[in-house]
Amino acid sequence: MEVALKFEHRNSKGCNYGPPYEWQVYNALGGSHGVPKVHYKGRQGDYYVMV
């Protein structure tokens, strides 16, 4: 299995008010053809992490 990791600092431009908006997009599109499956998303220390 191949996975991609994304780390985003919680103080970055898109995260000042909570988790990245990108998470909502993946939730809305999840299961659609051609959209990657998100295995994990959460906060680890000062970073938001998505696998």
PDB file of N, CA and C in Angstrom:
ATOM      1  N   MET A   1       0.839  -1.169   0.000  1.00  0.00           N
ATOM      2  CA  MET A   1       0.000   0.000   0.000  1.00  0.00           C
ATOM      3  C   MET A   1       0.889   1.239   0.000  1.00  0.00           C
ATOM      4  N   GLU A   2       0.564   2.195  -0.825  1.00  0.00           N
ATOM      5  CA  GLU A   2       1.267   3.473  -0.841  1.00  0.00           C
ATOM      6  C   GLU A   2       0.377   4.518  -0.191  1.00  0.00           C
ATOM      7  N   VAL A   3       0.989   5.399   0.576  1.00  0.00           N
ATOM      8  CA  VAL A   3       0.241   6.482   1.210  1.00  0.00           C
ATOM      9  C   VAL A   3       0.991   7.794   1.012  1.00  0.00           C
ATOM     10  N   ALA A   4       0.269   8.871   1.150  1.00  0.00           N
ATOM     11  CA  ALA A   4       0.867  10.207   1.136  1.00  0.00           C
ATOM     12  C   ALA A   4       0.645  10.814   2.512  1.00  0.00           C
ATOM     13  N   LEU A   5       1.620  11.543   2.997  1.00  0.00           N
ATOM     14  CA  LEU A   5       1.515  12.211   4.294  1.00  0.00           C
ATOM     15  C   LEU A   5       1.477  13.710   4.074  1.00  0.00           C
ATOM     16  N   LYS A   6       0.632  14.380   4.823  1.00  0.00           N
ATOM     17  CA  LYS A   6       0.590  15.837   4.751  1.00  0.00           C
ATOM     18  C   LYS A   6       0.628  16.377   6.164  1.00  0.00           C
ATOM     19  N   PHE A   7       1.574  17.270   6.424  1.00  0.00           N
ATOM     20  CA  PHE A   7       1.704  17.952   7.707  1.00  0.00           C
ATOM     21  C   PHE A   7       1.485  19.435   7.463  1.00  0.00           C
ATOM     22  N   GLU A   8       0.657  20.054   8.287  1.00  0.00           N
ATOM     23  CA  GLU A   8       0.423  21.489   8.161  1.00  0.00           C
ATOM     24  C   GLU A   8       0.460  22.099   9.560  1.00  0.00           C
ATOM     25  N   HIS A   9       1.323  23.086   9.740  1.00  0.00           N
ATOM     26  CA  HIS A   9       1.447  23.719  11.052  1.00  0.00           C
ATOM     27  C   HIS A   9       0.136  24.397  11.408  1.00  0.00           C
ATOM     28  N   ARG A  10      -0.276  24.283  12.650  1.00  0.00           N
ATOM     29  CA  ARG A  10      -1.584  24.815  13.055  1.00  0.00           C
ATOM     30  C   ARG A  10      -1.664  26.329  12.947  1.00  0.00           C
ATOM     31  N   ASN A  11      -0.536  27.017  12.850  1.00  0.00           N
ATOM     32  CA  ASN A  11      -0.540  28.468  12.698  1.00  0.00           C
ATOM     33  C   ASN A  11      -0.407  28.914  11.247  1.00  0.00           C
ATOM     34  N   SER A  12      -0.456  27.966  10.317  1.00  0.00           N
ATOM     35  CA  SER A  12      -0.352  28.348   8.908  1.00  0.00           C
ATOM     36  C   SER A  12      -1.628  29.059   8.464  1.00  0.00           C
ATOM     37  N   LYS A  13      -1.561  29.694   7.325  1.00  0.00           N
ATOM     38  CA  LYS A  13      -2.649  30.540   6.830  1.00  0.00           C
ATOM     39  C   LYS A  13      -4.012  29.836   6.837  1.00  0.00           C
ATOM     40  N   GLY A  14      -4.085  28.590   6.434  1.00  0.00           N
ATOM     41  CA  GLY A  14      -5.366  27.896   6.335  1.00  0.00           C
ATOM     42  C   GLY A  14      -5.855  27.253   7.615  1.00  0.00           C
ATOM     43  N   CYS A  15      -5.099  27.349   8.696  1.00  0.00           N
ATOM     44  CA  CYS A  15      -5.445  26.620   9.919  1.00  0.00           C
ATOM     45  C   CYS A  15      -5.642  27.517  11.136  1.00  0.00           C
ATOM     46  N   ASN A  16      -5.735  28.797  10.957  1.00  0.00           N
ATOM     47  CA  ASN A  16      -5.814  29.696  12.107  1.00  0.00           C
ATOM     48  C   ASN A  16      -7.057  29.482  12.959  1.00  0.00           C
ATOM     49  N   TYR A  17      -8.116  28.927  12.372  1.00  0.00           N
ATOM     50  CA  TYR A  17      -9.382  28.803  13.102  1.00  0.00           C
ATOM     51  C   TYR A  17      -9.808  27.357  13.295  1.00  0.00           C
ATOM     52  N   GLY A  18      -8.908  26.425  13.165  1.00  0.00           N
ATOM     53  CA  GLY A  18      -9.238  25.020  13.339  1.00  0.00           C
ATOM     54  C   GLY A  18      -8.627  24.182  12.231  1.00  0.00           C
ATOM     55  N   PRO A  19      -9.088  22.936  12.112  1.00  0.00           N
ATOM     56  CA  PRO A  19      -8.528  22.032  11.102  1.00  0.00           C
ATOM     57  C   PRO A  19      -8.639  22.616   9.693  1.00  0.00           C
ATOM     58  N   PRO A  20      -7.747  22.200   8.814  1.00  0.00           N
ATOM     59  CA  PRO A  20      -7.755  22.725   7.446  1.00  0.00           C
ATOM     60  C   PRO A  20      -9.086  22.468   6.732  1.00  0.00           C
ATOM     61  N   TYR A  21      -9.520  23.419   5.919  1.00  0.00           N
ATOM     62  CA  TYR A  21     -10.746  23.282   5.121  1.00  0.00           C
ATOM     63  C   TYR A  21     -10.660  22.060   4.209  1.00  0.00           C
ATOM     64  N   GLU A  22      -9.457  21.714   3.824  1.00  0.00           N
ATOM     65  CA  GLU A  22      -9.221  20.554   2.959  1.00  0.00           C
ATOM     66  C   GLU A  22      -9.862  19.289   3.539  1.00  0.00           C
ATOM     67  N   TRP A  23      -9.883  19.170   4.857  1.00  0.00           N
ATOM     68  CA  TRP A  23     -10.490  17.998   5.490  1.00  0.00           C
ATOM     69  C   TRP A  23     -11.971  17.910   5.160  1.00  0.00           C
ATOM     70  N   GLN A  24     -12.666  19.031   5.169  1.00  0.00           N
ATOM     71  CA  GLN A  24     -14.091  19.047   4.839  1.00  0.00           C
ATOM     72  C   GLN A  24     -14.309  18.626   3.386  1.00  0.00           C
ATOM     73  N   VAL A  25     -13.412  19.046   2.519  1.00  0.00           N
ATOM     74  CA  VAL A  25     -13.522  18.682   1.106  1.00  0.00           C
ATOM     75  C   VAL A  25     -13.369  17.174   0.942  1.00  0.00           C
ATOM     76  N   TYR A  26     -12.375  16.586   1.594  1.00  0.00           N
ATOM     77  CA  TYR A  26     -12.191  15.137   1.499  1.00  0.00           C
ATOM     78  C   TYR A  26     -13.376  14.391   2.103  1.00  0.00           C
ATOM     79  N   ASN A  27     -13.954  14.894   3.182  1.00  0.00           N
ATOM     80  CA  ASN A  27     -15.142  14.259   3.762  1.00  0.00           C
ATOM     81  C   ASN A  27     -16.308  14.297   2.784  1.00  0.00           C
ATOM     82  N   ALA A  28     -16.500  15.421   2.119  1.00  0.00           N
ATOM     83  CA  ALA A  28     -17.610  15.570   1.182  1.00  0.00           C
ATOM     84  C   ALA A  28     -17.427  14.699  -0.060  1.00  0.00           C
ATOM     85  N   LEU A  29     -16.191  14.560  -0.526  1.00  0.00           N
ATOM     86  CA  LEU A  29     -15.924  13.819  -1.759  1.00  0.00           C
ATOM     87  C   LEU A  29     -15.527  12.371  -1.526  1.00  0.00           C
ATOM     88  N   GLY A  30     -15.361  11.981  -0.270  1.00  0.00           N
ATOM     89  CA  GLY A  30     -14.911  10.637   0.052  1.00  0.00           C
ATOM     90  C   GLY A  30     -15.756   9.568  -0.612  1.00  0.00           C
ATOM     91  N   GLY A  31     -15.099   8.563  -1.173  1.00  0.00           N
ATOM     92  CA  GLY A  31     -15.793   7.476  -1.840  1.00  0.00           C
ATOM     93  C   GLY A  31     -16.050   7.737  -3.315  1.00  0.00           C
ATOM     94  N   SER A  32     -15.802   8.947  -3.773  1.00  0.00           N
ATOM     95  CA  SER A  32     -15.978   9.266  -5.193  1.00  0.00           C
ATOM     96  C   SER A  32     -14.819   8.693  -6.001  1.00  0.00           C
ATOM     97  N   HIS A  33     -15.110   8.318  -7.226  1.00  0.00           N
ATOM     98  CA  HIS A  33     -14.082   7.763  -8.111  1.00  0.00           C
ATOM     99  C   HIS A  33     -12.965   8.780  -8.317  1.00  0.00           C
ATOM    100  N   GLY A  34     -11.737   8.349  -8.101  1.00  0.00           N
ATOM    101  CA  GLY A  34     -10.580   9.205  -8.331  1.00  0.00           C
ATOM    102  C   GLY A  34     -10.154  10.046  -7.145  1.00  0.00           C
ATOM    103  N   VAL A  35     -10.913   9.986  -6.046  1.00  0.00           N
ATOM    104  CA  VAL A  35     -10.563  10.765  -4.850  1.00  0.00           C
ATOM    105  C   VAL A  35      -9.845   9.834  -3.874  1.00  0.00           C
ATOM    106  N   PRO A  36      -8.645  10.189  -3.432  1.00  0.00           N
ATOM    107  CA  PRO A  36      -7.907   9.322  -2.508  1.00  0.00           C
ATOM    108  C   PRO A  36      -8.660   9.098  -1.197  1.00  0.00           C
ATOM    109  N   LYS A  37      -8.464   7.918  -0.628  1.00  0.00           N
ATOM    110  CA  LYS A  37      -9.061   7.596   0.669  1.00  0.00           C
ATOM    111  C   LYS A  37      -8.185   8.181   1.773  1.00  0.00           C
ATOM    112  N   VAL A  38      -8.809   8.841   2.736  1.00  0.00           N
ATOM    113  CA  VAL A  38      -8.085   9.379   3.890  1.00  0.00           C
ATOM    114  C   VAL A  38      -8.116   8.313   4.984  1.00  0.00           C
ATOM    115  N   HIS A  39      -6.943   7.868   5.411  1.00  0.00           N
ATOM    116  CA  HIS A  39      -6.844   6.823   6.423  1.00  0.00           C
ATOM    117  C   HIS A  39      -6.812   7.396   7.833  1.00  0.00           C
ATOM    118  N   TYR A  40      -6.283   8.589   7.968  1.00  0.00           N
ATOM    119  CA  TYR A  40      -6.178   9.233   9.284  1.00  0.00           C
ATOM    120  C   TYR A  40      -6.074  10.732   9.089  1.00  0.00           C
ATOM    121  N   LYS A  41      -6.741  11.466   9.953  1.00  0.00           N
ATOM    122  CA  LYS A  41      -6.530  12.907  10.035  1.00  0.00           C
ATOM    123  C   LYS A  41      -6.694  13.301  11.487  1.00  0.00           C
ATOM    124  N   GLY A  42      -5.797  14.136  11.957  1.00  0.00           N
ATOM    125  CA  GLY A  42      -5.838  14.549  13.348  1.00  0.00           C
ATOM    126  C   GLY A  42      -4.720  15.526  13.649  1.00  0.00           C
ATOM    127  N   ARG A  43      -4.670  15.916  14.896  1.00  0.00           N
ATOM    128  CA  ARG A  43      -3.656  16.878  15.324  1.00  0.00           C
ATOM    129  C   ARG A  43      -2.612  16.156  16.161  1.00  0.00           C
ATOM    130  N   GLN A  44      -1.366  16.411  15.838  1.00  0.00           N
ATOM    131  CA  GLN A  44      -0.241  15.853  16.575  1.00  0.00           C
ATOM    132  C   GLN A  44       0.661  17.012  16.968  1.00  0.00           C
ATOM    133  N   GLY A  45       0.629  17.386  18.224  1.00  0.00           N
ATOM    134  CA  GLY A  45       1.426  18.526  18.669  1.00  0.00           C
ATOM    135  C   GLY A  45       0.961  19.800  17.992  1.00  0.00           C
ATOM    136  N   ASP A  46       1.875  20.490  17.318  1.00  0.00           N
ATOM    137  CA  ASP A  46       1.559  21.746  16.635  1.00  0.00           C
ATOM    138  C   ASP A  46       1.168  21.547  15.173  1.00  0.00           C
ATOM    139  N   TYR A  47       0.928  20.313  14.755  1.00  0.00           N
ATOM    140  CA  TYR A  47       0.654  20.034  13.348  1.00  0.00           C
ATOM    141  C   TYR A  47      -0.667  19.306  13.165  1.00  0.00           C
ATOM    142  N   TYR A  48      -1.330  19.616  12.051  1.00  0.00           N
ATOM    143  CA  TYR A  48      -2.450  18.816  11.572  1.00  0.00           C
ATOM    144  C   TYR A  48      -1.858  17.815  10.595  1.00  0.00           C
ATOM    145  N   VAL A  49      -2.257  16.554  10.731  1.00  0.00           N
ATOM    146  CA  VAL A  49      -1.682  15.475   9.934  1.00  0.00           C
ATOM    147  C   VAL A  49      -2.796  14.771   9.173  1.00  0.00           C
ATOM    148  N   MET A  50      -2.527  14.468   7.901  1.00  0.00           N
ATOM    149  CA  MET A  50      -3.471  13.689   7.109  1.00  0.00           C
ATOM    150  C   MET A  50      -2.689  12.605   6.381  1.00  0.00           C
ATOM    151  N   VAL A  51      -3.204  11.373   6.445  1.00  0.00           N
ATOM    152  CA  VAL A  51      -2.585  10.224   5.764  1.00  0.00           C
ATOM    153  C   VAL A  51      -3.605   9.660   4.787  1.00  0.00           C
TER     154      VAL A  51
END
